[in-house]
Amino acid sequence: MSEYVTVDVEFTDDADLAELYVNQLLATDGLEYYASESEGEVGSPVAQMLFAAVDGIQQLTVTEDCLTIRREPSAPWEAIIDEVRDALRDWYL
């Protein structure tokens, strides 16, 4: 495991969708897709943690090293990204 958790953000053409690349293993069983917070609450441990810790996530896709997040339109990206980064650091370190 890396000493640090890094999150690199790539915004898409859709203003409410972003990809966050993480230097930690996020999923081991392939792609996970959560269409809503209620689906994420019974999903993988990482998905459960993110939906509980981060306000503004509408949909979440988790792969081995990437989180694809669709935000609530009123939620600012800066807050979501900071909260995801903090939550992942607490989770992995």
C-alpha atoms as a PDB file:
ATOM      1  CA  MET A   1       0.000   0.000   0.000  1.00  0.00           C
ATOM      2  CA  SER A   2       1.203   3.451  -0.832  1.00  0.00           C
ATOM      3  CA  GLU A   3       2.158   5.783   1.994  1.00  0.00           C
ATOM      4  CA  TYR A   4      -0.165   8.413   0.499  1.00  0.00           C
ATOM      5  CA  VAL A   5      -3.600   8.398  -1.018  1.00  0.00           C
ATOM      6  CA  THR A   6      -3.651  10.451  -4.191  1.00  0.00           C
ATOM      7  CA  VAL A   7      -6.721  11.490  -6.136  1.00  0.00           C
ATOM      8  CA  ASP A   8      -6.405  12.829  -9.676  1.00  0.00           C
ATOM      9  CA  VAL A   9      -9.555  14.388 -11.087  1.00  0.00           C
ATOM     10  CA  GLU A  10     -10.651  14.400 -14.719  1.00  0.00           C
ATOM     11  CA  PHE A  11     -13.766  16.376 -15.544  1.00  0.00           C
ATOM     12  CA  THR A  12     -15.948  15.263 -18.430  1.00  0.00           C
ATOM     13  CA  ASP A  13     -18.040  17.172 -20.960  1.00  0.00           C
ATOM     14  CA  ASP A  14     -20.963  16.596 -18.578  1.00  0.00           C
ATOM     15  CA  ALA A  15     -20.717  19.247 -15.836  1.00  0.00           C
ATOM     16  CA  ASP A  16     -22.160  16.839 -13.259  1.00  0.00           C
ATOM     17  CA  LEU A  17     -19.822  13.910 -13.986  1.00  0.00           C
ATOM     18  CA  ALA A  18     -16.175  13.486 -13.026  1.00  0.00           C
ATOM     19  CA  GLU A  19     -13.648  10.652 -12.839  1.00  0.00           C
ATOM     20  CA  LEU A  20     -11.400  10.436  -9.783  1.00  0.00           C
ATOM     21  CA  TYR A  21      -8.339   8.216 -10.219  1.00  0.00           C
ATOM     22  CA  VAL A  22      -6.982   6.841  -6.952  1.00  0.00           C
ATOM     23  CA  ASN A  23      -3.657   5.130  -6.248  1.00  0.00           C
ATOM     24  CA  GLN A  24      -5.315   2.504  -4.047  1.00  0.00           C
ATOM     25  CA  LEU A  25      -7.283  -0.628  -4.922  1.00  0.00           C
ATOM     26  CA  LEU A  26     -10.956   0.350  -4.831  1.00  0.00           C
ATOM     27  CA  ALA A  27     -12.673  -2.772  -6.201  1.00  0.00           C
ATOM     28  CA  THR A  28     -11.531  -6.332  -6.743  1.00  0.00           C
ATOM     29  CA  ASP A  29     -14.608  -7.806  -8.433  1.00  0.00           C
ATOM     30  CA  GLY A  30     -14.754  -5.624 -11.526  1.00  0.00           C
ATOM     31  CA  LEU A  31     -17.068  -2.694 -12.117  1.00  0.00           C
ATOM     32  CA  GLU A  32     -19.570  -1.695  -9.421  1.00  0.00           C
ATOM     33  CA  TYR A  33     -22.406   0.681 -10.311  1.00  0.00           C
ATOM     34  CA  TYR A  34     -24.713   2.384  -7.820  1.00  0.00           C
ATOM     35  CA  ALA A  35     -27.549   4.352  -9.424  1.00  0.00           C
ATOM     36  CA  SER A  36     -28.589   5.942  -6.139  1.00  0.00           C
ATOM     37  CA  GLU A  37     -27.541   6.506  -2.551  1.00  0.00           C
ATOM     38  CA  SER A  38     -29.876   3.726  -1.404  1.00  0.00           C
ATOM     39  CA  GLU A  39     -28.103   1.243  -3.707  1.00  0.00           C
ATOM     40  CA  GLY A  40     -24.725   2.433  -2.410  1.00  0.00           C
ATOM     41  CA  GLU A  41     -25.809   1.942   1.185  1.00  0.00           C
ATOM     42  CA  VAL A  42     -25.949  -1.823   0.564  1.00  0.00           C
ATOM     43  CA  GLY A  43     -23.032  -1.933  -1.875  1.00  0.00           C
ATOM     44  CA  SER A  44     -19.362  -2.614  -1.349  1.00  0.00           C
ATOM     45  CA  PRO A  45     -17.685  -1.276   1.809  1.00  0.00           C
ATOM     46  CA  VAL A  46     -15.993   1.525  -0.172  1.00  0.00           C
ATOM     47  CA  ALA A  47     -19.305   2.586  -1.755  1.00  0.00           C
ATOM     48  CA  GLN A  48     -21.070   2.496   1.606  1.00  0.00           C
ATOM     49  CA  MET A  49     -18.334   4.619   3.153  1.00  0.00           C
ATOM     50  CA  LEU A  50     -18.398   7.204   0.341  1.00  0.00           C
ATOM     51  CA  PHE A  51     -22.173   7.618   0.304  1.00  0.00           C
ATOM     52  CA  ALA A  52     -22.153   8.015   4.111  1.00  0.00           C
ATOM     53  CA  ALA A  53     -19.190  10.416   4.224  1.00  0.00           C
ATOM     54  CA  VAL A  54     -19.702  12.615   1.155  1.00  0.00           C
ATOM     55  CA  ASP A  55     -22.698  14.840   0.533  1.00  0.00           C
ATOM     56  CA  GLY A  56     -23.740  15.424  -3.052  1.00  0.00           C
ATOM     57  CA  ILE A  57     -23.008  12.054  -4.681  1.00  0.00           C
ATOM     58  CA  GLN A  58     -25.976  11.103  -6.846  1.00  0.00           C
ATOM     59  CA  GLN A  59     -24.504   8.064  -8.658  1.00  0.00           C
ATOM     60  CA  LEU A  60     -21.244   6.188  -8.228  1.00  0.00           C
ATOM     61  CA  THR A  61     -19.258   3.775 -10.353  1.00  0.00           C
ATOM     62  CA  VAL A  62     -16.280   2.053  -8.755  1.00  0.00           C
ATOM     63  CA  THR A  63     -13.541   0.234 -10.645  1.00  0.00           C
ATOM     64  CA  GLU A  64     -10.114  -0.980  -9.589  1.00  0.00           C
ATOM     65  CA  ASP A  65      -8.610   2.510  -9.471  1.00  0.00           C
ATOM     66  CA  CYS A  66     -11.350   4.957 -10.491  1.00  0.00           C
ATOM     67  CA  LEU A  67     -14.472   6.506  -9.016  1.00  0.00           C
ATOM     68  CA  THR A  68     -16.885   7.941 -11.539  1.00  0.00           C
ATOM     69  CA  ILE A  69     -19.152  10.317  -9.679  1.00  0.00           C
ATOM     70  CA  ARG A  70     -22.334  11.981 -10.820  1.00  0.00           C
ATOM     71  CA  ARG A  71     -23.051  14.808  -8.424  1.00  0.00           C
ATOM     72  CA  GLU A  72     -26.267  16.416  -7.331  1.00  0.00           C
ATOM     73  CA  PRO A  73     -26.382  19.520  -9.581  1.00  0.00           C
ATOM     74  CA  SER A  74     -26.417  21.867  -6.580  1.00  0.00           C
ATOM     75  CA  ALA A  75     -23.358  20.277  -4.928  1.00  0.00           C
ATOM     76  CA  PRO A  76     -20.023  22.047  -5.588  1.00  0.00           C
ATOM     77  CA  TRP A  77     -17.269  19.855  -7.039  1.00  0.00           C
ATOM     78  CA  GLU A  78     -14.654  21.353  -4.723  1.00  0.00           C
ATOM     79  CA  ALA A  79     -16.507  20.119  -1.639  1.00  0.00           C
ATOM     80  CA  ILE A  80     -17.189  16.664  -3.094  1.00  0.00           C
ATOM     81  CA  ILE A  81     -13.578  16.153  -4.152  1.00  0.00           C
ATOM     82  CA  ASP A  82     -12.215  17.335  -0.792  1.00  0.00           C
ATOM     83  CA  GLU A  83     -14.630  15.084   1.102  1.00  0.00           C
ATOM     84  CA  VAL A  84     -13.824  12.064  -1.112  1.00  0.00           C
ATOM     85  CA  ARG A  85     -10.088  12.651  -0.659  1.00  0.00           C
ATOM     86  CA  ASP A  86     -10.451  12.947   3.136  1.00  0.00           C
ATOM     87  CA  ALA A  87     -12.715   9.893   3.360  1.00  0.00           C
ATOM     88  CA  LEU A  88     -10.315   7.767   1.294  1.00  0.00           C
ATOM     89  CA  ARG A  89      -7.325   8.877   3.368  1.00  0.00           C
ATOM     90  CA  ASP A  90      -9.141   7.885   6.550  1.00  0.00           C
ATOM     91  CA  TRP A  91     -10.213   4.583   4.966  1.00  0.00           C
ATOM     92  CA  TYR A  92      -6.802   3.506   3.689  1.00  0.00           C
ATOM     93  CA  LEU A  93      -4.430   5.085   6.192  1.00  0.00           C
END
